[in-house]
Amino acid sequence: MTAIPGVDAPPARPAPPSPSDAARRRRRWRHLPQYAAISPFFVLFAVFGLYPVLYSLYLALQRWDGVGPKKFVGLENFRYLLTDGQFWDSIGNTLLIWVMSTVPMTVLALLIALGLNSSIRFKGALRIAYFMPNVTSIVAMSLVFGSIFSGEFGILNWFLGLFGLGHVPWLADPWAIRSAIAIMIVWRWTGYNAIIFLTGLQALPTDVYEAARIDGAGPVQTFFRITLPLLRPVLLFSLVMSAIGGLQTFTESQVLLGDRGGPGAAGMTMVLYFYGTAFADNDFGYGAAIAWGIFVVVVLFAILNWRLVQRPDRGQVTTEEGGR
């Protein structure tokens, strides 16, 4: 059809989509049902996880009492955090409590796992019994331990009195306070770690133990030369998780000693200091800065813990390579 001069030509028809574009579009929408199925998790994470984290970073740059208008102060909260003596004291208390609880907890959990891995009766019932403290309410547990460690009418002091031992001010002396919190953590998490160690023990190859038995290795040599090296990845997982959880100790101190950590703030942990600053003193801006400081400490401590536990493997590899 020839176009008439002075008259607009009819619009050209759009070119039909090529087979490759249509196939690409179909592939793009093919996985839509799967994405829709998993989308609730990401939506909930964005609302209840990602948004609070980003908002806490914004809040750390403000001065806010939770009621009035916010005042932008920049990095002033973080500058004060680096020179805050109470924050550094809370870090020291948290690390001391972590050491006092993790070392005996790991040893006891490993011994329990070795016992459960042997041929004993009622292993299923014992596993449930050891794991029960981990699913018990922390608040209820702290109230019970509060009556146990009470200075005047505590069950523990009464028990020590039966053997003629002196009165221990569990909730007044700084080291006694830290010991009480550590005992509570050991009681709660020993069974949990024992189940993890038991799973690792059951996954170890049996032919290695048979070869060691043929070579005349005793139980002690087998444990230190075979079981512990093979169980090192499980120990690494347990120590890292204990470090992350131990540095966030809160409920035991808060219920047992209050928002200020007891006499001399001996039970003041990092999270308890954050809670007292934000929700007791209503200083939400500085509380958010403390929360980010706790995050940095936990990450650095977890990395340090992982490097220290992994170092024997590297040394062993280096020694073998040098021998070759």
Protein backbone atom coordinates (compact mmCIF):
# COMPACT_ATOMS: atom_id res chain seq x y z
CA MET A 1 0.00 0.00 0.00
CA THR A 2 1.51 3.34 -1.10
CA ALA A 3 1.39 6.23 1.34
CA ILE A 4 -0.41 9.38 0.08
CA PRO A 5 1.71 12.55 0.38
CA GLY A 6 0.57 14.85 3.20
CA VAL A 7 -1.24 12.07 5.02
CA ASP A 8 0.30 10.36 8.03
CA ALA A 9 1.31 6.79 7.45
CA PRO A 10 -0.47 4.18 9.61
CA PRO A 11 1.50 3.16 12.72
CA ALA A 12 3.74 0.20 12.25
CA ARG A 13 2.75 -2.98 14.04
CA PRO A 14 5.10 -4.02 16.87
CA ALA A 15 7.33 -6.89 16.01
CA PRO A 16 6.21 -10.15 17.64
CA PRO A 17 8.47 -11.32 20.50
CA SER A 18 11.18 -13.65 19.44
CA PRO A 19 11.08 -17.23 20.70
CA SER A 20 14.14 -16.57 22.86
CA ASP A 21 12.47 -13.61 24.68
CA ALA A 22 9.31 -15.61 25.29
CA ALA A 23 11.30 -18.55 26.66
CA ARG A 24 13.30 -16.22 28.90
CA ARG A 25 10.10 -14.68 30.25
CA ARG A 26 8.61 -18.09 30.96
CA ARG A 27 11.76 -19.18 32.78
CA ARG A 28 11.64 -16.01 34.86
CA TRP A 29 8.12 -16.70 36.12
CA ARG A 30 8.50 -20.45 36.37
CA HIS A 31 9.91 -20.29 39.93
CA LEU A 32 7.36 -17.75 41.17
CA PRO A 33 5.46 -20.30 43.34
CA GLN A 34 8.69 -21.34 45.09
CA TYR A 35 9.63 -17.71 45.75
CA ALA A 36 6.13 -17.01 47.04
CA ALA A 37 6.39 -20.03 49.37
CA ILE A 38 9.59 -18.79 51.04
CA SER A 39 8.72 -15.09 50.96
CA PRO A 40 7.03 -15.02 54.42
CA PHE A 41 10.35 -15.79 56.09
CA PHE A 42 12.13 -12.92 54.34
CA VAL A 43 9.23 -10.53 54.96
CA LEU A 44 9.17 -11.38 58.69
CA PHE A 45 12.97 -11.15 58.84
CA ALA A 46 12.92 -7.71 57.20
CA VAL A 47 10.22 -6.45 59.59
CA PHE A 48 11.38 -8.02 62.86
CA GLY A 49 15.09 -8.54 62.18
CA LEU A 50 16.62 -6.24 59.59
CA TYR A 51 14.58 -3.14 60.36
CA PRO A 52 15.35 -3.16 64.14
CA VAL A 53 19.06 -3.59 63.39
CA LEU A 54 19.13 -0.67 60.98
CA TYR A 55 16.95 1.43 63.27
CA SER A 56 19.27 0.75 66.22
CA LEU A 57 22.17 2.07 64.15
CA TYR A 58 20.15 5.20 63.39
CA LEU A 59 19.19 5.49 67.06
CA ALA A 60 22.84 5.20 68.14
CA LEU A 61 23.45 8.53 66.41
CA GLN A 62 20.70 10.24 68.40
CA ARG A 63 20.06 11.39 71.95
CA TRP A 64 16.57 10.18 72.90
CA ASP A 65 14.76 9.43 76.14
CA GLY A 66 11.95 7.49 74.45
CA VAL A 67 9.36 10.29 74.79
CA GLY A 68 10.62 13.63 73.50
CA PRO A 69 12.11 14.49 70.12
CA LYS A 70 15.35 12.92 69.00
CA LYS A 71 18.51 15.01 68.90
CA PHE A 72 21.22 14.12 66.40
CA VAL A 73 24.62 13.85 68.10
CA GLY A 74 26.59 11.97 65.44
CA LEU A 75 29.29 9.68 66.81
CA GLU A 76 29.19 11.20 70.30
CA ASN A 77 27.61 8.08 71.82
CA PHE A 78 30.35 5.86 70.35
CA ARG A 79 33.08 8.24 71.55
CA TYR A 80 31.73 8.10 75.07
CA LEU A 81 31.41 4.32 74.83
CA LEU A 82 35.16 3.96 74.26
CA THR A 83 35.87 5.85 77.51
CA ASP A 84 32.99 4.46 79.60
CA GLY A 85 34.54 2.66 82.55
CA GLN A 86 31.30 0.86 83.44
CA PHE A 87 31.10 -0.64 79.96
CA TRP A 88 34.66 -1.96 80.17
CA ASP A 89 33.98 -3.32 83.67
CA SER A 90 30.93 -5.14 82.29
CA ILE A 91 33.12 -6.67 79.59
CA GLY A 92 35.56 -7.88 82.24
CA ASN A 93 32.75 -9.36 84.35
CA THR A 94 31.27 -11.09 81.33
CA LEU A 95 34.60 -12.63 80.32
CA LEU A 96 35.29 -13.82 83.88
CA ILE A 97 31.86 -15.43 84.13
CA TRP A 98 32.34 -17.01 80.70
CA VAL A 99 35.67 -18.58 81.70
CA MET A 100 34.34 -19.73 85.08
CA SER A 101 31.37 -21.42 83.41
CA THR A 102 32.74 -22.68 80.08
CA VAL A 103 35.74 -24.64 81.38
CA PRO A 104 33.86 -26.84 83.91
CA MET A 105 30.84 -27.05 81.61
CA THR A 106 32.94 -28.40 78.71
CA VAL A 107 34.71 -30.93 80.93
CA LEU A 108 31.48 -32.15 82.54
CA ALA A 109 29.67 -32.31 79.19
CA LEU A 110 32.48 -34.36 77.67
CA LEU A 111 32.51 -36.79 80.60
CA ILE A 112 28.73 -37.17 80.44
CA ALA A 113 28.90 -37.77 76.69
CA LEU A 114 31.54 -40.45 77.17
CA GLY A 115 29.34 -42.13 79.77
CA LEU A 116 26.26 -41.99 77.57
CA ASN A 117 28.25 -43.35 74.64
CA SER A 118 29.23 -46.45 76.62
CA SER A 119 27.05 -49.48 77.17
CA ILE A 120 24.90 -48.35 80.11
CA ARG A 121 21.24 -48.88 80.82
CA PHE A 122 18.48 -46.27 80.46
CA LYS A 123 20.53 -44.12 78.09
CA GLY A 124 17.40 -42.58 76.55
CA ALA A 125 16.01 -41.51 79.92
CA LEU A 126 19.39 -40.10 80.95
CA ARG A 127 19.64 -38.05 77.76
CA ILE A 128 16.25 -36.52 78.44
CA ALA A 129 17.16 -35.84 82.07
CA TYR A 130 20.43 -34.09 81.13
CA PHE A 131 18.69 -32.00 78.47
CA MET A 132 15.78 -30.90 80.68
CA PRO A 133 17.60 -27.90 82.28
CA ASN A 134 18.08 -26.39 78.82
CA VAL A 135 14.32 -26.25 78.14
CA THR A 136 13.45 -25.00 81.62
CA SER A 137 12.39 -21.38 81.97
CA ILE A 138 15.41 -19.20 82.76
CA VAL A 139 13.35 -16.89 84.96
CA ALA A 140 11.99 -19.80 87.01
CA MET A 141 15.47 -21.28 87.24
CA SER A 142 16.91 -17.95 88.44
CA LEU A 143 14.24 -17.67 91.13
CA VAL A 144 15.02 -21.16 92.37
CA PHE A 145 18.75 -20.48 92.42
CA GLY A 146 18.02 -17.21 94.23
CA SER A 147 16.61 -19.21 97.13
CA ILE A 148 19.55 -21.62 96.94
CA PHE A 149 22.17 -18.85 97.10
CA SER A 150 20.34 -16.69 99.62
CA GLY A 151 22.69 -15.41 102.29
CA GLU A 152 20.43 -15.80 105.31
CA PHE A 153 18.15 -18.73 104.49
CA GLY A 154 19.87 -20.26 101.46
CA ILE A 155 19.84 -24.01 101.01
CA LEU A 156 23.49 -24.05 99.97
CA ASN A 157 24.70 -22.29 103.13
CA TRP A 158 22.57 -24.65 105.21
CA PHE A 159 24.20 -27.60 103.45
CA LEU A 160 27.68 -26.17 104.02
CA GLY A 161 26.81 -25.69 107.68
CA LEU A 162 26.20 -29.42 108.06
CA PHE A 163 29.92 -29.96 107.39
CA GLY A 164 31.04 -27.15 109.65
CA LEU A 165 31.98 -24.84 106.79
CA GLY A 166 31.65 -21.10 107.08
CA HIS A 167 28.87 -18.85 105.86
CA VAL A 168 29.38 -17.75 102.23
CA PRO A 169 27.84 -14.40 101.14
CA TRP A 170 26.87 -15.67 97.71
CA LEU A 171 24.99 -12.51 96.69
CA ALA A 172 27.25 -9.96 98.42
CA ASP A 173 30.85 -10.92 97.62
CA PRO A 174 32.02 -10.11 94.05
CA TRP A 175 33.66 -13.47 93.38
CA ALA A 176 30.79 -15.34 95.04
CA ILE A 177 28.34 -13.50 92.78
CA ARG A 178 30.29 -14.46 89.67
CA SER A 179 30.54 -18.07 90.92
CA ALA A 180 26.78 -18.22 91.49
CA ILE A 181 26.04 -16.99 87.97
CA ALA A 182 28.61 -19.42 86.53
CA ILE A 183 27.01 -22.34 88.42
CA MET A 184 23.63 -21.42 86.94
CA ILE A 185 25.08 -21.36 83.43
CA VAL A 186 26.82 -24.71 83.98
CA TRP A 187 23.61 -26.27 85.27
CA ARG A 188 21.64 -25.08 82.24
CA TRP A 189 24.04 -25.77 79.36
CA THR A 190 25.98 -28.88 80.40
CA GLY A 191 23.33 -31.30 79.16
CA TYR A 192 22.95 -29.42 75.88
CA ASN A 193 26.67 -29.65 75.12
CA ALA A 194 26.74 -33.27 76.29
CA ILE A 195 24.17 -34.18 73.63
CA ILE A 196 26.27 -32.38 71.00
CA PHE A 197 29.42 -34.22 72.10
CA LEU A 198 27.52 -37.51 72.13
CA THR A 199 26.47 -36.94 68.53
CA GLY A 200 30.10 -36.30 67.59
CA LEU A 201 31.29 -39.41 69.43
CA GLN A 202 28.76 -41.60 67.67
CA ALA A 203 29.97 -40.31 64.29
CA LEU A 204 33.62 -41.25 64.90
CA PRO A 205 34.95 -44.22 62.87
CA THR A 206 35.21 -47.43 64.86
CA ASP A 207 38.07 -48.94 62.84
CA VAL A 208 40.48 -46.38 64.31
CA TYR A 209 39.67 -47.54 67.83
CA GLU A 210 40.03 -51.19 66.82
CA ALA A 211 43.48 -50.48 65.37
CA ALA A 212 44.51 -48.63 68.53
CA ARG A 213 43.27 -51.51 70.69
CA ILE A 214 45.30 -53.97 68.64
CA ASP A 215 48.39 -51.77 69.05
CA GLY A 216 47.92 -51.89 72.82
CA ALA A 217 46.68 -48.34 73.44
CA GLY A 218 44.91 -47.84 76.76
CA PRO A 219 41.74 -45.83 77.41
CA VAL A 220 43.64 -42.69 78.40
CA GLN A 221 45.90 -42.79 75.33
CA THR A 222 42.91 -43.51 73.10
CA PHE A 223 41.03 -40.54 74.51
CA PHE A 224 43.84 -37.99 74.17
CA ARG A 225 45.35 -39.26 70.91
CA ILE A 226 42.24 -40.33 68.99
CA THR A 227 38.99 -39.08 70.52
CA LEU A 228 39.97 -35.46 71.20
CA PRO A 229 41.68 -34.85 67.81
CA LEU A 230 38.75 -36.37 65.92
CA LEU A 231 36.27 -34.49 68.08
CA ARG A 232 37.95 -31.12 67.50
CA PRO A 233 35.33 -29.78 65.01
CA VAL A 234 32.57 -30.51 67.53
CA LEU A 235 34.61 -28.86 70.30
CA LEU A 236 35.13 -25.84 68.04
CA PHE A 237 31.39 -25.55 67.46
CA SER A 238 30.66 -25.88 71.18
CA LEU A 239 33.26 -23.30 72.21
CA VAL A 240 32.18 -20.77 69.60
CA MET A 241 28.51 -21.14 70.53
CA SER A 242 29.42 -20.96 74.23
CA ALA A 243 31.37 -17.77 73.56
CA ILE A 244 28.49 -16.19 71.66
CA GLY A 245 25.96 -17.23 74.30
CA GLY A 246 28.19 -16.50 77.30
CA LEU A 247 28.90 -12.95 76.18
CA GLN A 248 25.14 -12.34 76.06
CA THR A 249 24.45 -13.47 79.63
CA PHE A 250 21.54 -11.44 80.96
CA THR A 251 18.62 -13.22 82.62
CA GLU A 252 20.67 -14.96 85.31
CA SER A 253 22.18 -11.67 86.49
CA GLN A 254 19.02 -9.60 86.10
CA VAL A 255 16.69 -11.91 88.01
CA LEU A 256 19.26 -12.86 90.64
CA LEU A 257 20.80 -9.43 91.29
CA GLY A 258 18.63 -6.75 89.70
CA ASP A 259 19.29 -4.17 86.98
CA ARG A 260 22.54 -2.92 88.58
CA GLY A 261 24.35 -6.23 88.90
CA GLY A 262 24.35 -6.55 92.67
CA PRO A 263 26.83 -5.08 95.20
CA GLY A 264 29.76 -3.46 93.48
CA ALA A 265 28.18 -4.30 90.09
CA ALA A 266 30.05 -7.62 90.24
CA GLY A 267 27.31 -9.32 88.22
CA MET A 268 26.97 -6.51 85.69
CA THR A 269 27.29 -8.15 82.27
CA MET A 270 27.37 -6.34 78.95
CA VAL A 271 23.74 -7.07 78.08
CA LEU A 272 22.59 -6.19 81.59
CA TYR A 273 24.42 -2.85 81.30
CA PHE A 274 22.68 -2.25 77.97
CA TYR A 275 19.31 -3.10 79.51
CA GLY A 276 19.84 -0.82 82.50
CA THR A 277 20.99 2.08 80.33
CA ALA A 278 18.19 1.83 77.79
CA PHE A 279 15.17 0.70 79.80
CA ALA A 280 16.00 1.82 83.35
CA ASP A 281 17.76 5.11 82.61
CA ASN A 282 15.70 5.76 79.42
CA ASP A 283 18.82 6.61 77.42
CA PHE A 284 17.91 4.78 74.25
CA GLY A 285 20.51 6.46 72.03
CA TYR A 286 23.44 5.44 74.20
CA GLY A 287 21.80 2.04 74.79
CA ALA A 288 21.80 1.44 71.04
CA ALA A 289 25.50 2.35 70.93
CA ILE A 290 26.15 -0.18 73.73
CA ALA A 291 24.28 -2.82 71.72
CA TRP A 292 26.56 -2.24 68.74
CA GLY A 293 29.57 -2.37 71.02
CA ILE A 294 28.38 -5.75 72.31
CA PHE A 295 28.00 -6.94 68.73
CA VAL A 296 31.60 -5.99 67.90
CA VAL A 297 32.93 -7.68 71.06
CA VAL A 298 31.02 -10.90 70.34
CA VAL A 299 32.23 -11.05 66.74
CA LEU A 300 35.87 -10.38 67.68
CA PHE A 301 35.79 -12.88 70.53
CA ALA A 302 34.20 -15.57 68.33
CA ILE A 303 36.88 -15.05 65.67
CA LEU A 304 39.64 -15.18 68.28
CA ASN A 305 38.17 -18.32 69.80
CA TRP A 306 37.94 -19.97 66.39
CA ARG A 307 41.55 -19.10 65.51
CA LEU A 308 42.88 -20.42 68.81
CA VAL A 309 41.06 -23.72 68.47
CA GLN A 310 42.05 -24.13 64.82
CA ARG A 311 45.73 -23.38 65.44
CA PRO A 312 46.76 -26.97 66.46
CA ASP A 313 45.54 -28.26 63.09
CA ARG A 314 47.72 -25.80 61.24
CA GLY A 315 50.72 -26.59 63.37
CA GLN A 316 50.25 -30.30 62.79
CA VAL A 317 50.01 -29.82 59.03
CA THR A 318 53.13 -27.67 59.04
CA THR A 319 55.04 -30.28 61.03
CA GLU A 320 54.01 -33.06 58.66
CA GLU A 321 54.95 -31.03 55.62
CA GLY A 322 58.32 -30.21 57.16
CA GLY A 323 58.93 -33.88 57.87
CA ARG A 324 58.26 -34.75 54.28
